[in-house]
Amino acid sequence: EDHNFIANGFVVSNCIGGVAAFDPEENGVISVGGVGFDINCGIATLKTNLMLDEVKPKIKELVDELFARVPAGLGSRGEIKLSREEQFEVMKEGAKWVVEKGYGYEEDLDYIEENGKVDGAVPENVSETALKRERGQVGTLGSGNHYLEVQYVDEIYDEKTAKAFGFERNQILVTLHCGSRALGHQIGTDYLKILAAASRKYGIKIRERELVCAPINSPEGQRYFGAVNCAINYAFANRQVIAHLSREAFKKVFPDAELKMFYNIGHNTVKVEWHDVDGKKKRLYVHRKGSTRSFGPGREELPKAYREIGQPVIIGGTMGTCSYILVGTKEGEKISFGSVCHGAGRTMSRHQAKRTWRGTELVKLLWEKYGIYVRAHSMPGLAEEAPGAYKDVTKVVDVIHNAGLAKKVIKVKPLGVIKG
């Protein structure tokens, strides 16, 4: 989908991935449209000790096991049913809470953006409707462009960085893409109305409905920020649970399998960050919608293991092509506040894709022609995500690489895919 955002008072649209940074000391604003509705939708990748020749013969068995263990699809529910008190705890503690409940290892937290928890979450700012819609959704993929993929390392572009990241050719990886589910969407819906009223109250001219906003330091602005942080933490917890469920599935098929968290990062967020602006260090509220952090070496926000290398950047392709892992650069911090897109973006609408392809035909084609085994909860939904409905991710990544926003490290290809 297209992502609209504000830049110097203008609406920028028809792009995939937007970044807008505002200074609270200079009447900066916080915007619903700058974050999006699937708050902290993101990607987590795990490294395994398995190789292509071991997994390929058992890919159907493995994907079937993953499909059985990881709930997916529109309105999907999992086994974790949170009480109201537990909902508040997850919204405050994020991935840490689910790890303490046995869904993962303490070391996983070292490889999650913000260590899996942002400060400033205020559960009281989240509506009863949002809390009701959440119930049972921790540890679920959802639908749309969300997925879980079994992948292998196909090409290495930067041997030194790949080695530092722990990658080798033909190594099996697992990548999952999902966010804050109904909780985040309801927060966005609720605050669309609240910030619309705030825009009128503070005399802010709005050029596009979803770009309603409020001054960062206003009561409405801070209320929204507190709610967004709740959804950010919830999404970190959601991806962590799915990562753990994936480990269990792998262990069932490959008893000696080891899955280590490589990185877990969001791409629909607003974060408080320090950046150089015209030679001065400034504390900014950086909105990223459909875009992900791509910090260069030296940033304290990065895991210690990656601090001297740069931030891992995971850019997903389609279930029939490939995806990429890049590394952030200092140049990218200057150009785009350390941000790049999280994927290629669509070339046609979901409706048009459904008219063009049939899900059952895609499943057959991907298996017979490319050896990619796909399981989906909805065949019409699968048709919406046909590879032909998306831009060429390789061309997109080459632009990022050549512009210096991030540098290519590896290319991965799918072996098995789960879609909602």
Protein backbone atom coordinates (compact mmCIF):
# COMPACT_ATOMS: atom_id res chain seq x y z
CA GLU A 1 0.00 0.00 0.00
CA ASP A 2 1.04 3.62 -0.34
CA HIS A 3 2.36 5.48 2.67
CA ASN A 4 1.62 9.20 3.02
CA PHE A 5 3.56 11.47 5.35
CA ILE A 6 4.37 15.15 5.94
CA ALA A 7 7.70 16.73 4.97
CA ASN A 8 8.26 20.46 5.45
CA GLY A 9 4.53 21.04 5.42
CA PHE A 10 3.86 19.01 2.27
CA VAL A 11 2.16 15.66 1.88
CA VAL A 12 4.50 13.11 0.34
CA SER A 13 2.68 10.11 -1.13
CA ASN A 14 2.85 7.16 -3.51
CA CYS A 15 6.02 5.88 -1.91
CA ILE A 16 6.71 2.74 0.06
CA GLY A 17 8.19 3.69 3.37
CA GLY A 18 8.18 7.19 4.80
CA VAL A 19 10.19 8.93 7.50
CA ALA A 20 9.40 12.24 9.18
CA ALA A 21 11.30 13.66 12.16
CA PHE A 22 9.94 16.46 14.36
CA ASP A 23 11.52 18.56 17.10
CA PRO A 24 9.23 18.98 20.14
CA GLU A 25 11.05 22.22 20.98
CA GLU A 26 10.09 23.71 17.61
CA ASN A 27 6.36 22.99 17.63
CA GLY A 28 6.89 19.52 16.20
CA VAL A 29 3.88 17.23 15.84
CA ILE A 30 3.07 13.56 16.29
CA SER A 31 0.87 11.97 13.62
CA VAL A 32 -1.28 8.85 13.31
CA GLY A 33 -0.50 8.61 9.59
CA GLY A 34 3.22 8.89 10.29
CA VAL A 35 3.07 5.64 12.26
CA GLY A 36 0.30 3.63 10.61
CA PHE A 37 -2.36 1.34 12.01
CA ASP A 38 -0.40 -1.91 12.39
CA ILE A 39 1.84 -0.29 14.98
CA ASN A 40 5.32 -1.85 15.15
CA CYS A 41 4.59 -4.24 12.35
CA GLY A 42 8.03 -5.71 11.91
CA ILE A 43 10.31 -8.56 10.96
CA ALA A 44 12.23 -11.08 13.03
CA THR A 45 14.85 -13.40 11.57
CA LEU A 46 16.35 -16.42 13.31
CA LYS A 47 19.55 -18.24 12.32
CA THR A 48 19.68 -22.03 12.42
CA ASN A 49 22.45 -24.62 12.51
CA LEU A 50 20.79 -26.43 9.60
CA MET A 51 21.77 -26.41 5.94
CA LEU A 52 19.80 -26.53 2.70
CA ASP A 53 20.58 -30.16 1.90
CA GLU A 54 19.23 -31.26 5.31
CA VAL A 55 16.00 -29.28 5.22
CA LYS A 56 14.93 -29.41 1.58
CA PRO A 57 13.89 -33.10 1.62
CA LYS A 58 11.73 -32.46 4.70
CA ILE A 59 10.36 -29.02 3.81
CA LYS A 60 6.74 -30.19 3.55
CA GLU A 61 6.87 -31.87 6.94
CA LEU A 62 8.51 -28.79 8.48
CA VAL A 63 6.09 -26.26 6.99
CA ASP A 64 3.11 -28.41 7.98
CA GLU A 65 4.42 -28.46 11.56
CA LEU A 66 4.89 -24.68 11.56
CA PHE A 67 1.43 -24.24 10.06
CA ALA A 68 -0.08 -26.33 12.86
CA ARG A 69 1.73 -24.47 15.65
CA VAL A 70 1.61 -20.82 14.52
CA PRO A 71 -1.93 -19.40 14.30
CA ALA A 72 -2.46 -17.23 11.22
CA GLY A 73 -5.26 -15.64 9.26
CA LEU A 74 -7.76 -12.84 9.71
CA GLY A 75 -8.91 -12.67 13.34
CA SER A 76 -6.72 -15.61 14.32
CA ARG A 77 -6.38 -16.48 18.01
CA GLY A 78 -3.65 -18.36 19.85
CA GLU A 79 -3.37 -20.28 23.09
CA ILE A 80 -2.23 -17.31 25.19
CA LYS A 81 -5.27 -15.62 26.73
CA LEU A 82 -4.20 -12.57 28.73
CA SER A 83 -6.14 -11.25 31.70
CA ARG A 84 -6.56 -7.47 31.88
CA GLU A 85 -3.66 -7.29 34.34
CA GLU A 86 -1.50 -9.36 32.00
CA GLN A 87 -2.46 -7.19 29.02
CA PHE A 88 -1.15 -4.18 30.94
CA GLU A 89 2.04 -6.06 31.82
CA VAL A 90 2.71 -7.05 28.19
CA MET A 91 2.08 -3.48 27.02
CA LYS A 92 4.63 -2.25 29.56
CA GLU A 93 7.22 -5.04 29.42
CA GLY A 94 7.03 -6.26 25.82
CA ALA A 95 9.11 -9.28 24.82
CA LYS A 96 10.64 -9.49 28.29
CA TRP A 97 7.27 -10.55 29.73
CA VAL A 98 6.76 -13.46 27.34
CA VAL A 99 10.38 -14.63 27.72
CA GLU A 100 9.86 -14.74 31.49
CA LYS A 101 6.81 -16.93 30.82
CA GLY A 102 8.96 -19.41 28.92
CA TYR A 103 8.55 -18.19 25.33
CA GLY A 104 12.20 -17.88 24.44
CA TYR A 105 15.54 -17.21 26.06
CA GLU A 106 16.96 -14.21 27.90
CA GLU A 107 19.60 -13.79 25.19
CA ASP A 108 16.84 -13.27 22.59
CA LEU A 109 16.21 -9.86 24.14
CA ASP A 110 19.74 -8.73 23.24
CA TYR A 111 18.83 -9.08 19.56
CA ILE A 112 15.52 -7.24 19.59
CA GLU A 113 15.30 -3.55 18.80
CA GLU A 114 15.10 -1.64 22.12
CA ASN A 115 15.75 -5.02 23.81
CA GLY A 116 12.08 -5.75 23.15
CA LYS A 117 10.69 -2.95 25.29
CA VAL A 118 10.26 0.82 24.90
CA ASP A 119 9.70 3.11 27.85
CA GLY A 120 6.74 5.45 28.08
CA ALA A 121 3.95 2.93 27.57
CA VAL A 122 0.73 4.03 29.28
CA PRO A 123 -1.87 1.23 29.19
CA GLU A 124 -4.51 3.58 30.61
CA ASN A 125 -4.36 5.41 27.27
CA VAL A 126 -5.61 2.28 25.46
CA SER A 127 -9.38 1.91 25.00
CA GLU A 128 -11.55 -0.91 26.29
CA THR A 129 -12.40 -1.74 22.69
CA ALA A 130 -8.71 -2.24 21.88
CA LEU A 131 -8.23 -4.48 24.92
CA LYS A 132 -11.24 -6.61 23.97
CA ARG A 133 -10.04 -6.98 20.38
CA GLU A 134 -6.59 -8.08 21.56
CA ARG A 135 -7.64 -11.11 23.54
CA GLY A 136 -5.94 -14.27 22.31
CA GLN A 137 -3.81 -12.63 19.63
CA VAL A 138 -0.33 -12.82 21.20
CA GLY A 139 1.64 -15.29 19.11
CA THR A 140 -0.43 -14.97 15.93
CA LEU A 141 0.62 -13.92 12.42
CA GLY A 142 -2.56 -12.34 11.15
CA SER A 143 -3.26 -11.93 7.45
CA GLY A 144 -2.43 -9.68 4.49
CA ASN A 145 1.28 -9.38 3.74
CA HIS A 146 2.25 -11.09 7.00
CA TYR A 147 4.15 -14.33 6.66
CA LEU A 148 6.49 -16.91 8.11
CA GLU A 149 9.21 -18.19 5.78
CA VAL A 150 11.82 -20.92 5.88
CA GLN A 151 14.69 -19.51 3.83
CA TYR A 152 18.25 -20.27 2.81
CA VAL A 153 21.23 -18.00 2.18
CA ASP A 154 21.58 -17.86 -1.59
CA GLU A 155 24.23 -15.18 -2.13
CA ILE A 156 26.76 -13.35 0.03
CA TYR A 157 27.81 -9.85 -1.06
CA ASP A 158 29.88 -8.79 1.95
CA GLU A 159 31.83 -11.74 3.36
CA LYS A 160 33.18 -9.84 6.37
CA THR A 161 29.80 -8.55 7.54
CA ALA A 162 28.08 -11.85 6.77
CA LYS A 163 30.60 -13.65 8.95
CA ALA A 164 30.12 -11.11 11.75
CA PHE A 165 26.35 -11.63 11.49
CA GLY A 166 26.86 -15.42 11.60
CA PHE A 167 25.77 -16.30 8.06
CA GLU A 168 27.12 -18.82 5.57
CA ARG A 169 25.96 -19.93 2.14
CA ASN A 170 23.02 -22.41 2.11
CA GLN A 171 22.34 -21.83 5.82
CA ILE A 172 18.68 -22.10 6.82
CA LEU A 173 16.98 -19.03 8.29
CA VAL A 174 13.46 -18.38 9.54
CA THR A 175 11.82 -15.00 9.03
CA LEU A 176 8.46 -13.83 10.30
CA HIS A 177 6.57 -10.63 9.52
CA CYS A 178 3.74 -9.39 11.75
CA GLY A 179 2.77 -6.62 14.16
CA SER A 180 0.45 -5.57 16.97
CA ARG A 181 -2.65 -7.15 15.44
CA ALA A 182 -6.08 -5.79 16.39
CA LEU A 183 -4.71 -3.93 19.42
CA GLY A 184 -2.53 -1.66 17.31
CA HIS A 185 -5.19 -1.16 14.67
CA GLN A 186 -7.77 -0.12 17.24
CA ILE A 187 -5.33 2.32 18.85
CA GLY A 188 -4.82 3.90 15.43
CA THR A 189 -8.57 4.05 14.84
CA ASP A 190 -9.25 5.58 18.26
CA TYR A 191 -6.57 8.25 17.97
CA LEU A 192 -7.51 9.15 14.41
CA LYS A 193 -10.58 10.79 15.95
CA ILE A 194 -8.75 12.21 18.96
CA LEU A 195 -5.97 13.79 16.89
CA ALA A 196 -8.47 15.05 14.31
CA ALA A 197 -10.07 17.07 17.10
CA ALA A 198 -6.60 18.13 18.29
CA SER A 199 -5.67 19.32 14.79
CA ARG A 200 -8.69 21.62 14.80
CA LYS A 201 -8.03 22.73 18.37
CA TYR A 202 -4.43 23.76 17.62
CA GLY A 203 -5.17 25.20 14.18
CA ILE A 204 -3.16 22.64 12.21
CA LYS A 205 -4.21 22.40 8.58
CA ILE A 206 -4.61 18.76 7.51
CA ARG A 207 -4.14 17.80 3.86
CA GLU A 208 -4.91 14.09 4.19
CA ARG A 209 -7.30 12.39 6.61
CA GLU A 210 -4.83 9.96 8.19
CA LEU A 211 -2.24 12.69 8.71
CA VAL A 212 -4.13 14.21 11.63
CA CYS A 213 -1.68 15.25 14.30
CA ALA A 214 -1.13 17.14 17.53
CA PRO A 215 1.81 19.06 18.98
CA ILE A 216 4.16 16.55 20.58
CA ASN A 217 4.08 18.34 23.93
CA SER A 218 0.30 18.69 23.99
CA PRO A 219 -1.82 16.44 26.25
CA GLU A 220 -3.30 14.76 23.16
CA GLY A 221 0.14 14.22 21.61
CA GLN A 222 1.58 12.64 24.73
CA ARG A 223 -1.55 10.55 25.24
CA TYR A 224 -1.17 9.10 21.74
CA PHE A 225 2.56 8.50 22.26
CA GLY A 226 1.82 6.55 25.45
CA ALA A 227 -0.69 4.37 23.60
CA VAL A 228 1.64 3.80 20.63
CA ASN A 229 4.35 2.58 22.99
CA CYS A 230 1.90 0.01 24.36
CA ALA A 231 1.35 -1.40 20.87
CA ILE A 232 5.08 -1.32 20.12
CA ASN A 233 5.77 -3.48 23.16
CA TYR A 234 2.87 -5.80 22.34
CA ALA A 235 4.24 -6.37 18.82
CA PHE A 236 7.70 -7.21 20.17
CA ALA A 237 6.04 -9.78 22.44
CA ASN A 238 3.97 -11.17 19.56
CA ARG A 239 6.99 -11.78 17.33
CA GLN A 240 8.92 -13.29 20.23
CA VAL A 241 6.18 -15.85 20.90
CA ILE A 242 6.03 -16.82 17.21
CA ALA A 243 9.83 -17.18 17.20
CA HIS A 244 9.53 -19.59 20.12
CA LEU A 245 6.72 -21.56 18.45
CA SER A 246 8.93 -21.82 15.37
CA ARG A 247 11.74 -23.26 17.49
CA GLU A 248 9.40 -25.92 18.81
CA ALA A 249 8.27 -26.84 15.30
CA PHE A 250 11.86 -27.17 14.07
CA LYS A 251 12.76 -29.32 17.08
CA LYS A 252 9.90 -31.68 16.25
CA VAL A 253 11.23 -32.30 12.74
CA PHE A 254 14.95 -31.78 13.44
CA PRO A 255 15.69 -32.72 17.08
CA ASP A 256 19.20 -31.21 16.95
CA ALA A 257 18.04 -27.90 15.47
CA GLU A 258 19.19 -24.69 17.12
CA LEU A 259 17.49 -21.39 16.30
CA LYS A 260 19.13 -18.20 17.51
CA MET A 261 17.58 -14.77 17.23
CA PHE A 262 19.40 -12.72 14.59
CA TYR A 263 17.30 -9.56 14.82
CA ASN A 264 13.74 -8.41 15.54
CA ILE A 265 12.88 -4.91 14.33
CA GLY A 266 9.78 -2.83 13.61
CA HIS A 267 8.79 -0.59 10.72
CA ASN A 268 5.62 1.28 11.80
CA THR A 269 6.81 3.33 14.77
CA VAL A 270 7.57 6.69 16.31
CA LYS A 271 10.76 6.80 18.39
CA VAL A 272 12.62 9.46 20.33
CA GLU A 273 16.13 9.61 18.84
CA TRP A 274 19.13 11.94 18.72
CA HIS A 275 20.23 13.07 15.27
CA ASP A 276 22.58 15.64 13.77
CA VAL A 277 20.60 18.44 12.11
CA ASP A 278 22.58 21.29 10.54
CA GLY A 279 25.54 20.49 12.75
CA LYS A 280 23.54 20.32 15.97
CA LYS A 281 22.47 17.30 18.02
CA LYS A 282 18.70 17.29 18.30
CA ARG A 283 16.22 15.12 20.17
CA LEU A 284 13.57 14.23 17.60
CA TYR A 285 10.38 12.21 17.38
CA VAL A 286 11.13 10.08 14.31
CA HIS A 287 8.08 8.62 12.57
CA ARG A 288 8.68 5.59 10.37
CA LYS A 289 5.78 4.16 8.41
CA GLY A 290 6.70 1.21 6.25
CA SER A 291 10.33 2.05 6.91
CA THR A 292 12.87 0.53 9.24
CA ARG A 293 15.87 1.82 11.16
CA SER A 294 19.21 1.47 9.37
CA PHE A 295 21.71 2.98 11.79
CA GLY A 296 25.40 2.84 10.99
CA PRO A 297 28.17 1.66 13.32
CA GLY A 298 28.57 3.20 16.76
CA ARG A 299 24.96 3.85 17.76
CA GLU A 300 24.27 2.85 21.34
CA GLU A 301 20.80 1.64 20.32
CA LEU A 302 22.39 -1.34 18.54
CA PRO A 303 23.06 -4.73 20.15
CA LYS A 304 26.63 -4.95 21.43
CA ALA A 305 27.39 -7.70 18.93
CA TYR A 306 26.47 -5.40 16.02
CA ARG A 307 27.54 -2.01 17.39
CA GLU A 308 30.82 -1.88 15.50
CA ILE A 309 29.26 -3.29 12.31
CA GLY A 310 25.99 -1.40 11.90
CA GLN A 311 22.32 -2.23 12.22
CA PRO A 312 20.89 -5.26 10.42
CA VAL A 313 18.31 -4.20 7.83
CA ILE A 314 15.83 -6.90 6.78
CA ILE A 315 13.98 -6.21 3.52
CA GLY A 316 11.33 -8.73 2.56
CA GLY A 317 10.48 -9.69 -0.99
CA THR A 318 7.68 -12.00 -2.09
CA MET A 319 7.01 -15.68 -1.48
CA GLY A 320 8.20 -16.48 -4.99
CA THR A 321 11.34 -14.38 -5.26
CA CYS A 322 13.88 -13.44 -2.58
CA SER A 323 14.60 -11.18 0.38
CA TYR A 324 17.70 -9.33 1.53
CA ILE A 325 19.64 -8.53 4.66
CA LEU A 326 21.65 -5.33 4.54
CA VAL A 327 23.62 -3.31 7.07
CA GLY A 328 23.03 0.33 7.98
CA THR A 329 25.50 3.14 7.24
CA LYS A 330 26.53 6.47 8.75
CA GLU A 331 25.69 8.06 5.39
CA GLY A 332 22.14 6.78 5.71
CA GLU A 333 21.82 8.51 9.07
CA LYS A 334 22.63 11.82 7.36
CA ILE A 335 20.32 11.25 4.39
CA SER A 336 17.21 9.72 5.98
CA PHE A 337 17.61 9.77 9.77
CA GLY A 338 18.91 6.21 9.46
CA SER A 339 15.87 4.79 7.66
CA VAL A 340 15.12 2.61 4.64
CA CYS A 341 12.02 0.88 3.29
CA HIS A 342 11.05 -2.51 4.73
CA GLY A 343 9.95 -4.07 1.44
CA ALA A 344 9.40 -3.47 -2.25
CA GLY A 345 5.78 -2.34 -2.29
CA ARG A 346 2.88 -3.29 -4.51
CA THR A 347 2.42 -2.74 -8.24
CA MET A 348 -1.30 -3.54 -8.17
CA SER A 349 -4.15 -3.42 -5.68
CA ARG A 350 -5.26 -6.44 -3.69
CA HIS A 351 -8.55 -6.44 -5.60
CA GLN A 352 -6.76 -6.46 -8.95
CA ALA A 353 -4.44 -9.25 -7.78
CA LYS A 354 -7.43 -11.42 -6.82
CA ARG A 355 -8.89 -10.90 -10.30
CA THR A 356 -5.56 -11.87 -11.89
CA TRP A 357 -4.53 -14.97 -9.91
CA ARG A 358 -6.08 -17.87 -8.04
CA GLY A 359 -4.56 -19.00 -4.78
CA THR A 360 -4.72 -22.71 -5.62
CA GLU A 361 -2.91 -22.11 -8.90
CA LEU A 362 -0.19 -20.13 -7.12
CA VAL A 363 0.40 -22.94 -4.63
CA LYS A 364 0.78 -25.43 -7.49
CA LEU A 365 3.04 -23.14 -9.54
CA LEU A 366 5.35 -22.25 -6.66
CA TRP A 367 5.83 -25.89 -5.72
CA GLU A 368 6.16 -27.42 -9.19
CA LYS A 369 8.28 -24.69 -10.80
CA TYR A 370 10.28 -23.25 -7.89
CA GLY A 371 10.19 -25.92 -5.18
CA ILE A 372 8.58 -23.52 -2.70
CA TYR A 373 6.00 -25.16 -0.45
CA VAL A 374 3.19 -22.79 0.56
CA ARG A 375 0.48 -23.23 3.20
CA ALA A 376 -2.23 -20.57 3.49
CA HIS A 377 -5.38 -20.11 5.55
CA SER A 378 -7.11 -18.19 2.75
CA MET A 379 -6.73 -18.83 -0.97
CA PRO A 380 -8.22 -15.43 -1.96
CA GLY A 381 -5.83 -13.85 0.54
CA LEU A 382 -2.95 -15.75 -1.02
CA ALA A 383 -3.88 -14.43 -4.46
CA GLU A 384 -3.63 -10.88 -3.08
CA GLU A 385 0.01 -11.63 -2.22
CA ALA A 386 1.01 -13.08 -5.59
CA PRO A 387 4.65 -12.33 -6.47
CA GLY A 388 3.49 -10.50 -9.60
CA ALA A 389 1.55 -8.01 -7.47
CA TYR A 390 4.78 -6.58 -6.07
CA LYS A 391 7.71 -4.56 -7.37
CA ASP A 392 11.05 -6.21 -8.04
CA VAL A 393 12.70 -6.26 -4.61
CA THR A 394 16.16 -6.68 -6.18
CA LYS A 395 15.83 -3.36 -8.02
CA VAL A 396 14.62 -1.67 -4.83
CA VAL A 397 17.54 -3.04 -2.81
CA ASP A 398 20.03 -2.03 -5.49
CA VAL A 399 18.78 1.55 -5.28
CA ILE A 400 19.21 1.52 -1.49
CA HIS A 401 22.70 0.03 -1.82
CA ASN A 402 23.84 2.43 -4.54
CA ALA A 403 22.46 5.45 -2.67
CA GLY A 404 24.48 4.49 0.40
CA LEU A 405 21.42 4.22 2.65
CA ALA A 406 22.44 0.64 3.53
CA LYS A 407 24.79 -1.97 2.10
CA LYS A 408 23.88 -5.43 0.83
CA VAL A 409 25.11 -8.35 2.92
CA ILE A 410 23.16 -11.45 1.83
CA LYS A 411 20.28 -12.56 -0.38
CA VAL A 412 17.94 -15.27 0.86
CA LYS A 413 15.41 -17.39 -1.02
CA PRO A 414 12.29 -19.10 0.33
CA LEU A 415 11.86 -22.86 0.69
CA GLY A 416 8.59 -22.81 2.57
CA VAL A 417 5.99 -20.14 3.28
CA ILE A 418 3.04 -19.73 5.64
CA LYS A 419 0.47 -17.04 4.86
CA GLY A 420 -2.68 -15.98 6.65
